[in-house]
């Protein structure tokens, strides 16, 4: 007859360790994904925090809607890009 002595045994410790690693891995992954999604809309592809890329995007939208012509678009785009390098 076998009696349970209260120990988990080898597989109990292995599964406990794996579940610990998986749980904290999932928590860390969730934090990283949340941080990336929260900052994805704020920053563009530029290294300056994305302020000029947002402005360039808005300018391109105005050009696409026909609110400004090509010469005005190019002139304003040049001003934005010149301001970035200064």
PDB file of N, CA and C in Angstrom:
ATOM      1  N   UNK A   1       0.818  -1.154   0.000  1.00  0.00           N
ATOM      2  CA  UNK A   1       0.000   0.000   0.000  1.00  0.00           C
ATOM      3  C   UNK A   1       0.883   1.247   0.000  1.00  0.00           C
ATOM      4  N   UNK A   2       0.487   2.292  -0.842  1.00  0.00           N
ATOM      5  CA  UNK A   2       1.292   3.497  -0.966  1.00  0.00           C
ATOM      6  C   UNK A   2       0.613   4.634  -0.217  1.00  0.00           C
ATOM      7  N   UNK A   3       1.399   5.388   0.475  1.00  0.00           N
ATOM      8  CA  UNK A   3       0.883   6.535   1.201  1.00  0.00           C
ATOM      9  C   UNK A   3       1.467   7.810   0.608  1.00  0.00           C
ATOM     10  N   UNK A   4       0.676   8.851   0.594  1.00  0.00           N
ATOM     11  CA  UNK A   4       1.164  10.142   0.104  1.00  0.00           C
ATOM     12  C   UNK A   4       1.846  10.855   1.247  1.00  0.00           C
ATOM     13  N   UNK A   5       3.113  11.218   1.025  1.00  0.00           N
ATOM     14  CA  UNK A   5       3.883  11.828   2.103  1.00  0.00           C
ATOM     15  C   UNK A   5       3.888  13.355   2.053  1.00  0.00           C
ATOM     16  N   UNK A   6       3.159  13.938   1.122  1.00  0.00           N
ATOM     17  CA  UNK A   6       3.066  15.392   1.056  1.00  0.00           C
ATOM     18  C   UNK A   6       4.086  16.047   0.149  1.00  0.00           C
ATOM     19  N   UNK A   7       5.047  15.313  -0.389  1.00  0.00           N
ATOM     20  CA  UNK A   7       6.023  15.943  -1.286  1.00  0.00           C
ATOM     21  C   UNK A   7       5.482  15.921  -2.710  1.00  0.00           C
ATOM     22  N   UNK A   8       5.954  16.847  -3.518  1.00  0.00           N
ATOM     23  CA  UNK A   8       5.474  16.960  -4.891  1.00  0.00           C
ATOM     24  C   UNK A   8       6.154  15.950  -5.808  1.00  0.00           C
ATOM     25  N   UNK A   9       7.290  15.498  -5.459  1.00  0.00           N
ATOM     26  CA  UNK A   9       8.019  14.605  -6.332  1.00  0.00           C
ATOM     27  C   UNK A   9       8.786  15.396  -7.383  1.00  0.00           C
ATOM     28  N   UNK A  10       9.542  14.689  -8.175  1.00  0.00           N
ATOM     29  CA  UNK A  10      10.386  15.336  -9.185  1.00  0.00           C
ATOM     30  C   UNK A  10       9.568  16.109 -10.205  1.00  0.00           C
ATOM     31  N   UNK A  11       8.530  15.495 -10.759  1.00  0.00           N
ATOM     32  CA  UNK A  11       7.736  16.159 -11.784  1.00  0.00           C
ATOM     33  C   UNK A  11       6.958  17.345 -11.216  1.00  0.00           C
ATOM     34  N   UNK A  12       6.595  17.270  -9.989  1.00  0.00           N
ATOM     35  CA  UNK A  12       5.924  18.404  -9.357  1.00  0.00           C
ATOM     36  C   UNK A  12       6.828  19.624  -9.288  1.00  0.00           C
ATOM     37  N   UNK A  13       8.085  19.413  -8.946  1.00  0.00           N
ATOM     38  CA  UNK A  13       9.035  20.523  -8.901  1.00  0.00           C
ATOM     39  C   UNK A  13       9.355  21.047 -10.305  1.00  0.00           C
ATOM     40  N   UNK A  14       9.473  20.145 -11.273  1.00  0.00           N
ATOM     41  CA  UNK A  14       9.748  20.567 -12.653  1.00  0.00           C
ATOM     42  C   UNK A  14       8.591  21.404 -13.185  1.00  0.00           C
ATOM     43  N   UNK A  15       7.365  20.914 -13.027  1.00  0.00           N
ATOM     44  CA  UNK A  15       6.200  21.659 -13.512  1.00  0.00           C
ATOM     45  C   UNK A  15       6.013  22.969 -12.755  1.00  0.00           C
ATOM     46  N   UNK A  16       6.303  22.974 -11.480  1.00  0.00           N
ATOM     47  CA  UNK A  16       6.216  24.203 -10.702  1.00  0.00           C
ATOM     48  C   UNK A  16       7.216  25.237 -11.211  1.00  0.00           C
ATOM     49  N   UNK A  17       8.429  24.801 -11.477  1.00  0.00           N
ATOM     50  CA  UNK A  17       9.446  25.719 -12.007  1.00  0.00           C
ATOM     51  C   UNK A  17       9.091  26.248 -13.383  1.00  0.00           C
ATOM     52  N   UNK A  18       8.594  25.357 -14.261  1.00  0.00           N
ATOM     53  CA  UNK A  18       8.193  25.792 -15.599  1.00  0.00           C
ATOM     54  C   UNK A  18       7.019  26.762 -15.553  1.00  0.00           C
ATOM     55  N   UNK A  19       6.057  26.493 -14.698  1.00  0.00           N
ATOM     56  CA  UNK A  19       4.912  27.394 -14.608  1.00  0.00           C
ATOM     57  C   UNK A  19       5.338  28.760 -14.058  1.00  0.00           C
ATOM     58  N   UNK A  20       6.295  28.778 -13.155  1.00  0.00           N
ATOM     59  CA  UNK A  20       6.831  30.032 -12.633  1.00  0.00           C
ATOM     60  C   UNK A  20       7.480  30.837 -13.759  1.00  0.00           C
ATOM     61  N   UNK A  21       8.293  30.179 -14.562  1.00  0.00           N
ATOM     62  CA  UNK A  21       8.970  30.856 -15.675  1.00  0.00           C
ATOM     63  C   UNK A  21       7.960  31.342 -16.710  1.00  0.00           C
ATOM     64  N   UNK A  22       6.991  30.513 -17.064  1.00  0.00           N
ATOM     65  CA  UNK A  22       5.983  30.903 -18.042  1.00  0.00           C
ATOM     66  C   UNK A  22       5.116  32.054 -17.545  1.00  0.00           C
ATOM     67  N   UNK A  23       4.749  32.024 -16.283  1.00  0.00           N
ATOM     68  CA  UNK A  23       3.923  33.096 -15.735  1.00  0.00           C
ATOM     69  C   UNK A  23       4.658  34.435 -15.800  1.00  0.00           C
ATOM     70  N   UNK A  24       5.872  34.490 -15.305  1.00  0.00           N
ATOM     71  CA  UNK A  24       6.594  35.761 -15.308  1.00  0.00           C
ATOM     72  C   UNK A  24       7.010  36.177 -16.707  1.00  0.00           C
ATOM     73  N   UNK A  25       7.250  35.218 -17.588  1.00  0.00           N
ATOM     74  CA  UNK A  25       7.523  35.553 -18.984  1.00  0.00           C
ATOM     75  C   UNK A  25       6.314  36.205 -19.637  1.00  0.00           C
ATOM     76  N   UNK A  26       5.127  35.682 -19.341  1.00  0.00           N
ATOM     77  CA  UNK A  26       3.903  36.265 -19.889  1.00  0.00           C
ATOM     78  C   UNK A  26       3.644  37.654 -19.325  1.00  0.00           C
ATOM     79  N   UNK A  27       3.911  37.851 -18.042  1.00  0.00           N
ATOM     80  CA  UNK A  27       3.727  39.171 -17.433  1.00  0.00           C
ATOM     81  C   UNK A  27       4.679  40.179 -18.067  1.00  0.00           C
ATOM     82  N   UNK A  28       5.933  39.818 -18.233  1.00  0.00           N
ATOM     83  CA  UNK A  28       6.920  40.722 -18.841  1.00  0.00           C
ATOM     84  C   UNK A  28       6.569  41.003 -20.294  1.00  0.00           C
ATOM     85  N   UNK A  29       6.158  39.984 -21.044  1.00  0.00           N
ATOM     86  CA  UNK A  29       5.774  40.176 -22.443  1.00  0.00           C
ATOM     87  C   UNK A  29       4.570  41.107 -22.553  1.00  0.00           C
ATOM     88  N   UNK A  30       3.603  40.966 -21.665  1.00  0.00           N
ATOM     89  CA  UNK A  30       2.437  41.841 -21.687  1.00  0.00           C
ATOM     90  C   UNK A  30       2.826  43.288 -21.410  1.00  0.00           C
ATOM     91  N   UNK A  31       3.734  43.496 -20.477  1.00  0.00           N
ATOM     92  CA  UNK A  31       4.187  44.861 -20.171  1.00  0.00           C
ATOM     93  C   UNK A  31       4.917  45.467 -21.363  1.00  0.00           C
ATOM     94  N   UNK A  32       5.787  44.681 -21.994  1.00  0.00           N
ATOM     95  CA  UNK A  32       6.531  45.177 -23.158  1.00  0.00           C
ATOM     96  C   UNK A  32       5.578  45.497 -24.305  1.00  0.00           C
ATOM     97  N   UNK A  33       4.637  44.619 -24.590  1.00  0.00           N
ATOM     98  CA  UNK A  33       3.687  44.869 -25.677  1.00  0.00           C
ATOM     99  C   UNK A  33       2.812  46.079 -25.383  1.00  0.00           C
ATOM    100  N   UNK A  34       2.397  46.241 -24.159  1.00  0.00           N
ATOM    101  CA  UNK A  34       1.597  47.412 -23.803  1.00  0.00           C
ATOM    102  C   UNK A  34       2.408  48.692 -23.979  1.00  0.00           C
ATOM    103  N   UNK A  35       3.654  48.676 -23.546  1.00  0.00           N
ATOM    104  CA  UNK A  35       4.500  49.865 -23.678  1.00  0.00           C
ATOM    105  C   UNK A  35       4.741  50.203 -25.141  1.00  0.00           C
ATOM    106  N   UNK A  36       4.964  49.188 -25.955  1.00  0.00           N
ATOM    107  CA  UNK A  36       5.175  49.447 -27.390  1.00  0.00           C
ATOM    108  C   UNK A  36       3.924  49.993 -28.052  1.00  0.00           C
ATOM    109  N   UNK A  37       2.772  49.438 -27.726  1.00  0.00           N
ATOM    110  CA  UNK A  37       1.542  49.920 -28.357  1.00  0.00           C
ATOM    111  C   UNK A  37       1.178  51.314 -27.869  1.00  0.00           C
ATOM    112  N   UNK A  38       1.511  51.625 -26.629  1.00  0.00           N
ATOM    113  CA  UNK A  38       1.207  52.949 -26.098  1.00  0.00           C
ATOM    114  C   UNK A  38       2.079  54.023 -26.725  1.00  0.00           C
ATOM    115  N   UNK A  39       3.311  53.679 -27.079  1.00  0.00           N
ATOM    116  CA  UNK A  39       4.216  54.672 -27.659  1.00  0.00           C
ATOM    117  C   UNK A  39       4.254  54.626 -29.179  1.00  0.00           C
ATOM    118  N   UNK A  40       3.624  53.645 -29.799  1.00  0.00           N
ATOM    119  CA  UNK A  40       3.690  53.516 -31.255  1.00  0.00           C
ATOM    120  C   UNK A  40       3.026  54.685 -31.960  1.00  0.00           C
ATOM    121  N   UNK A  41       1.939  55.196 -31.433  1.00  0.00           N
ATOM    122  CA  UNK A  41       1.241  56.305 -32.066  1.00  0.00           C
ATOM    123  C   UNK A  41       1.917  57.642 -31.862  1.00  0.00           C
ATOM    124  N   UNK A  42       2.760  57.741 -30.862  1.00  0.00           N
ATOM    125  CA  UNK A  42       3.389  59.021 -30.556  1.00  0.00           C
ATOM    126  C   UNK A  42       4.664  59.270 -31.322  1.00  0.00           C
ATOM    127  N   UNK A  43       5.382  58.226 -31.684  1.00  0.00           N
ATOM    128  CA  UNK A  43       6.678  58.400 -32.312  1.00  0.00           C
ATOM    129  C   UNK A  43       6.638  57.946 -33.757  1.00  0.00           C
ATOM    130  N   UNK A  44       7.263  58.743 -34.605  1.00  0.00           N
ATOM    131  CA  UNK A  44       7.388  58.365 -36.003  1.00  0.00           C
ATOM    132  C   UNK A  44       8.680  57.608 -36.228  1.00  0.00           C
ATOM    133  N   UNK A  45       9.095  57.565 -37.479  1.00  0.00           N
ATOM    134  CA  UNK A  45      10.314  56.832 -37.792  1.00  0.00           C
ATOM    135  C   UNK A  45      11.571  57.650 -37.552  1.00  0.00           C
ATOM    136  N   UNK A  46      11.419  58.950 -37.328  1.00  0.00           N
ATOM    137  CA  UNK A  46      12.589  59.794 -37.115  1.00  0.00           C
ATOM    138  C   UNK A  46      13.141  59.643 -35.720  1.00  0.00           C
ATOM    139  N   UNK A  47      14.394  60.021 -35.545  1.00  0.00           N
ATOM    140  CA  UNK A  47      15.015  59.921 -34.247  1.00  0.00           C
ATOM    141  C   UNK A  47      14.750  61.115 -33.355  1.00  0.00           C
ATOM    142  N   UNK A  48      13.953  62.074 -33.827  1.00  0.00           N
ATOM    143  CA  UNK A  48      13.696  63.286 -33.068  1.00  0.00           C
ATOM    144  C   UNK A  48      12.386  63.221 -32.306  1.00  0.00           C
ATOM    145  N   UNK A  49      11.870  62.031 -32.069  1.00  0.00           N
ATOM    146  CA  UNK A  49      10.617  61.907 -31.356  1.00  0.00           C
ATOM    147  C   UNK A  49       9.417  61.876 -32.267  1.00  0.00           C
ATOM    148  N   UNK A  50       9.610  62.032 -33.559  1.00  0.00           N
ATOM    149  CA  UNK A  50       8.524  61.875 -34.507  1.00  0.00           C
ATOM    150  C   UNK A  50       7.737  63.138 -34.786  1.00  0.00           C
ATOM    151  N   UNK A  51       8.137  64.296 -34.273  1.00  0.00           N
ATOM    152  CA  UNK A  51       7.336  65.487 -34.486  1.00  0.00           C
ATOM    153  C   UNK A  51       7.312  65.893 -35.950  1.00  0.00           C
ATOM    154  N   UNK A  52       8.421  65.789 -36.620  1.00  0.00           N
ATOM    155  CA  UNK A  52       8.449  66.172 -38.026  1.00  0.00           C
ATOM    156  C   UNK A  52       7.793  65.126 -38.912  1.00  0.00           C
ATOM    157  N   UNK A  53       7.899  63.862 -38.552  1.00  0.00           N
ATOM    158  CA  UNK A  53       7.259  62.856 -39.381  1.00  0.00           C
ATOM    159  C   UNK A  53       5.744  62.993 -39.316  1.00  0.00           C
ATOM    160  N   UNK A  54       5.208  63.395 -38.175  1.00  0.00           N
ATOM    161  CA  UNK A  54       3.769  63.636 -38.067  1.00  0.00           C
ATOM    162  C   UNK A  54       3.392  64.846 -38.912  1.00  0.00           C
ATOM    163  N   UNK A  55       4.195  65.881 -38.835  1.00  0.00           N
ATOM    164  CA  UNK A  55       3.920  67.074 -39.631  1.00  0.00           C
ATOM    165  C   UNK A  55       4.010  66.777 -41.123  1.00  0.00           C
ATOM    166  N   UNK A  56       4.990  65.979 -41.520  1.00  0.00           N
ATOM    167  CA  UNK A  56       5.108  65.600 -42.926  1.00  0.00           C
ATOM    168  C   UNK A  56       3.917  64.762 -43.362  1.00  0.00           C
ATOM    169  N   UNK A  57       3.456  63.901 -42.491  1.00  0.00           N
ATOM    170  CA  UNK A  57       2.295  63.069 -42.812  1.00  0.00           C
ATOM    171  C   UNK A  57       1.047  63.936 -43.001  1.00  0.00           C
ATOM    172  N   UNK A  58       0.841  64.886 -42.111  1.00  0.00           N
ATOM    173  CA  UNK A  58      -0.307  65.785 -42.248  1.00  0.00           C
ATOM    174  C   UNK A  58      -0.211  66.624 -43.513  1.00  0.00           C
ATOM    175  N   UNK A  59       0.991  67.064 -43.837  1.00  0.00           N
ATOM    176  CA  UNK A  59       1.193  67.829 -45.067  1.00  0.00           C
ATOM    177  C   UNK A  59       0.883  66.974 -46.289  1.00  0.00           C
ATOM    178  N   UNK A  60       1.320  65.724 -46.267  1.00  0.00           N
ATOM    179  CA  UNK A  60       1.035  64.815 -47.382  1.00  0.00           C
ATOM    180  C   UNK A  60      -0.465  64.558 -47.507  1.00  0.00           C
ATOM    181  N   UNK A  61      -1.171  64.472 -46.396  1.00  0.00           N
ATOM    182  CA  UNK A  61      -2.623  64.288 -46.451  1.00  0.00           C
ATOM    183  C   UNK A  61      -3.309  65.497 -47.077  1.00  0.00           C
ATOM    184  N   UNK A  62      -2.852  66.685 -46.713  1.00  0.00           N
ATOM    185  CA  UNK A  62      -3.434  67.898 -47.311  1.00  0.00           C
ATOM    186  C   UNK A  62      -3.173  67.936 -48.807  1.00  0.00           C
ATOM    187  N   UNK A  63      -1.995  67.516 -49.211  1.00  0.00           N
ATOM    188  CA  UNK A  63      -1.665  67.467 -50.644  1.00  0.00           C
ATOM    189  C   UNK A  63      -2.541  66.430 -51.350  1.00  0.00           C
ATOM    190  N   UNK A  64      -2.743  65.296 -50.735  1.00  0.00           N
ATOM    191  CA  UNK A  64      -3.551  64.244 -51.342  1.00  0.00           C
ATOM    192  C   UNK A  64      -5.019  64.661 -51.464  1.00  0.00           C
ATOM    193  N   UNK A  65      -5.510  65.432 -50.511  1.00  0.00           N
ATOM    194  CA  UNK A  65      -6.897  65.899 -50.586  1.00  0.00           C
ATOM    195  C   UNK A  65      -7.062  67.058 -51.559  1.00  0.00           C
ATOM    196  N   UNK A  66      -5.967  67.614 -52.038  1.00  0.00           N
ATOM    197  CA  UNK A  66      -6.032  68.711 -52.991  1.00  0.00           C
ATOM    198  C   UNK A  66      -6.138  70.076 -52.346  1.00  0.00           C
ATOM    199  N   UNK A  67      -5.904  70.165 -51.047  1.00  0.00           N
ATOM    200  CA  UNK A  67      -5.972  71.449 -50.359  1.00  0.00           C
ATOM    201  C   UNK A  67      -4.811  72.363 -50.730  1.00  0.00           C
ATOM    202  N   UNK A  68      -3.662  71.774 -51.047  1.00  0.00           N
ATOM    203  CA  UNK A  68      -2.489  72.547 -51.473  1.00  0.00           C
ATOM    204  C   UNK A  68      -1.965  71.946 -52.770  1.00  0.00           C
ATOM    205  N   UNK A  69      -1.294  72.782 -53.558  1.00  0.00           N
ATOM    206  CA  UNK A  69      -0.740  72.285 -54.827  1.00  0.00           C
ATOM    207  C   UNK A  69       0.684  71.765 -54.609  1.00  0.00           C
ATOM    208  N   UNK A  70       1.271  71.239 -55.679  1.00  0.00           N
ATOM    209  CA  UNK A  70       2.584  70.593 -55.562  1.00  0.00           C
ATOM    210  C   UNK A  70       3.674  71.566 -55.161  1.00  0.00           C
ATOM    211  N   UNK A  71       3.652  72.781 -55.710  1.00  0.00           N
ATOM    212  CA  UNK A  71       4.708  73.740 -55.369  1.00  0.00           C
ATOM    213  C   UNK A  71       4.637  74.124 -53.884  1.00  0.00           C
ATOM    214  N   UNK A  72       3.422  74.319 -53.369  1.00  0.00           N
ATOM    215  CA  UNK A  72       3.296  74.651 -51.957  1.00  0.00           C
ATOM    216  C   UNK A  72       3.693  73.459 -51.082  1.00  0.00           C
ATOM    217  N   UNK A  73       3.328  72.259 -51.511  1.00  0.00           N
ATOM    218  CA  UNK A  73       3.713  71.048 -50.770  1.00  0.00           C
ATOM    219  C   UNK A  73       5.225  70.923 -50.692  1.00  0.00           C
ATOM    220  N   UNK A  74       5.902  71.080 -51.820  1.00  0.00           N
ATOM    221  CA  UNK A  74       7.360  70.940 -51.843  1.00  0.00           C
ATOM    222  C   UNK A  74       8.027  72.033 -51.010  1.00  0.00           C
ATOM    223  N   UNK A  75       7.498  73.255 -51.076  1.00  0.00           N
ATOM    224  CA  UNK A  75       8.077  74.358 -50.307  1.00  0.00           C
ATOM    225  C   UNK A  75       7.931  74.104 -48.802  1.00  0.00           C
ATOM    226  N   UNK A  76       6.753  73.680 -48.376  1.00  0.00           N
ATOM    227  CA  UNK A  76       6.532  73.430 -46.949  1.00  0.00           C
ATOM    228  C   UNK A  76       7.317  72.216 -46.469  1.00  0.00           C
ATOM    229  N   UNK A  77       7.430  71.199 -47.323  1.00  0.00           N
ATOM    230  CA  UNK A  77       8.203  70.023 -46.962  1.00  0.00           C
ATOM    231  C   UNK A  77       9.681  70.387 -46.790  1.00  0.00           C
ATOM    232  N   UNK A  78      10.184  71.256 -47.659  1.00  0.00           N
ATOM    233  CA  UNK A  78      11.579  71.701 -47.542  1.00  0.00           C
ATOM    234  C   UNK A  78      11.796  72.452 -46.240  1.00  0.00           C
ATOM    235  N   UNK A  79      10.825  73.276 -45.841  1.00  0.00           N
ATOM    236  CA  UNK A  79      10.939  74.006 -44.583  1.00  0.00           C
ATOM    237  C   UNK A  79      10.956  73.038 -43.412  1.00  0.00           C
ATOM    238  N   UNK A  80      10.088  72.029 -43.441  1.00  0.00           N
ATOM    239  CA  UNK A  80      10.071  71.052 -42.351  1.00  0.00           C
ATOM    240  C   UNK A  80      11.384  70.297 -42.251  1.00  0.00           C
ATOM    241  N   UNK A  81      11.900  69.863 -43.376  1.00  0.00           N
ATOM    242  CA  UNK A  81      13.143  69.090 -43.368  1.00  0.00           C
ATOM    243  C   UNK A  81      14.348  69.953 -43.028  1.00  0.00           C
ATOM    244  N   UNK A  82      14.318  71.215 -43.414  1.00  0.00           N
ATOM    245  CA  UNK A  82      15.398  72.124 -43.067  1.00  0.00           C
ATOM    246  C   UNK A  82      15.389  72.375 -41.558  1.00  0.00           C
ATOM    247  N   UNK A  83      14.205  72.483 -40.976  1.00  0.00           N
ATOM    248  CA  UNK A  83      14.072  72.687 -39.534  1.00  0.00           C
ATOM    249  C   UNK A  83      14.551  71.486 -38.751  1.00  0.00           C
ATOM    250  N   UNK A  84      14.453  70.303 -39.317  1.00  0.00           N
ATOM    251  CA  UNK A  84      14.900  69.073 -38.638  1.00  0.00           C
ATOM    252  C   UNK A  84      16.406  69.039 -38.530  1.00  0.00           C
ATOM    253  N   UNK A  85      17.113  69.475 -39.559  1.00  0.00           N
ATOM    254  CA  UNK A  85      18.576  69.405 -39.544  1.00  0.00           C
ATOM    255  C   UNK A  85      19.196  70.531 -38.732  1.00  0.00           C
ATOM    256  N   UNK A  86      18.432  71.570 -38.451  1.00  0.00           N
ATOM    257  CA  UNK A  86      18.982  72.714 -37.690  1.00  0.00           C
ATOM    258  C   UNK A  86      19.017  72.449 -36.222  1.00  0.00           C
TER     259      UNK A  86
END
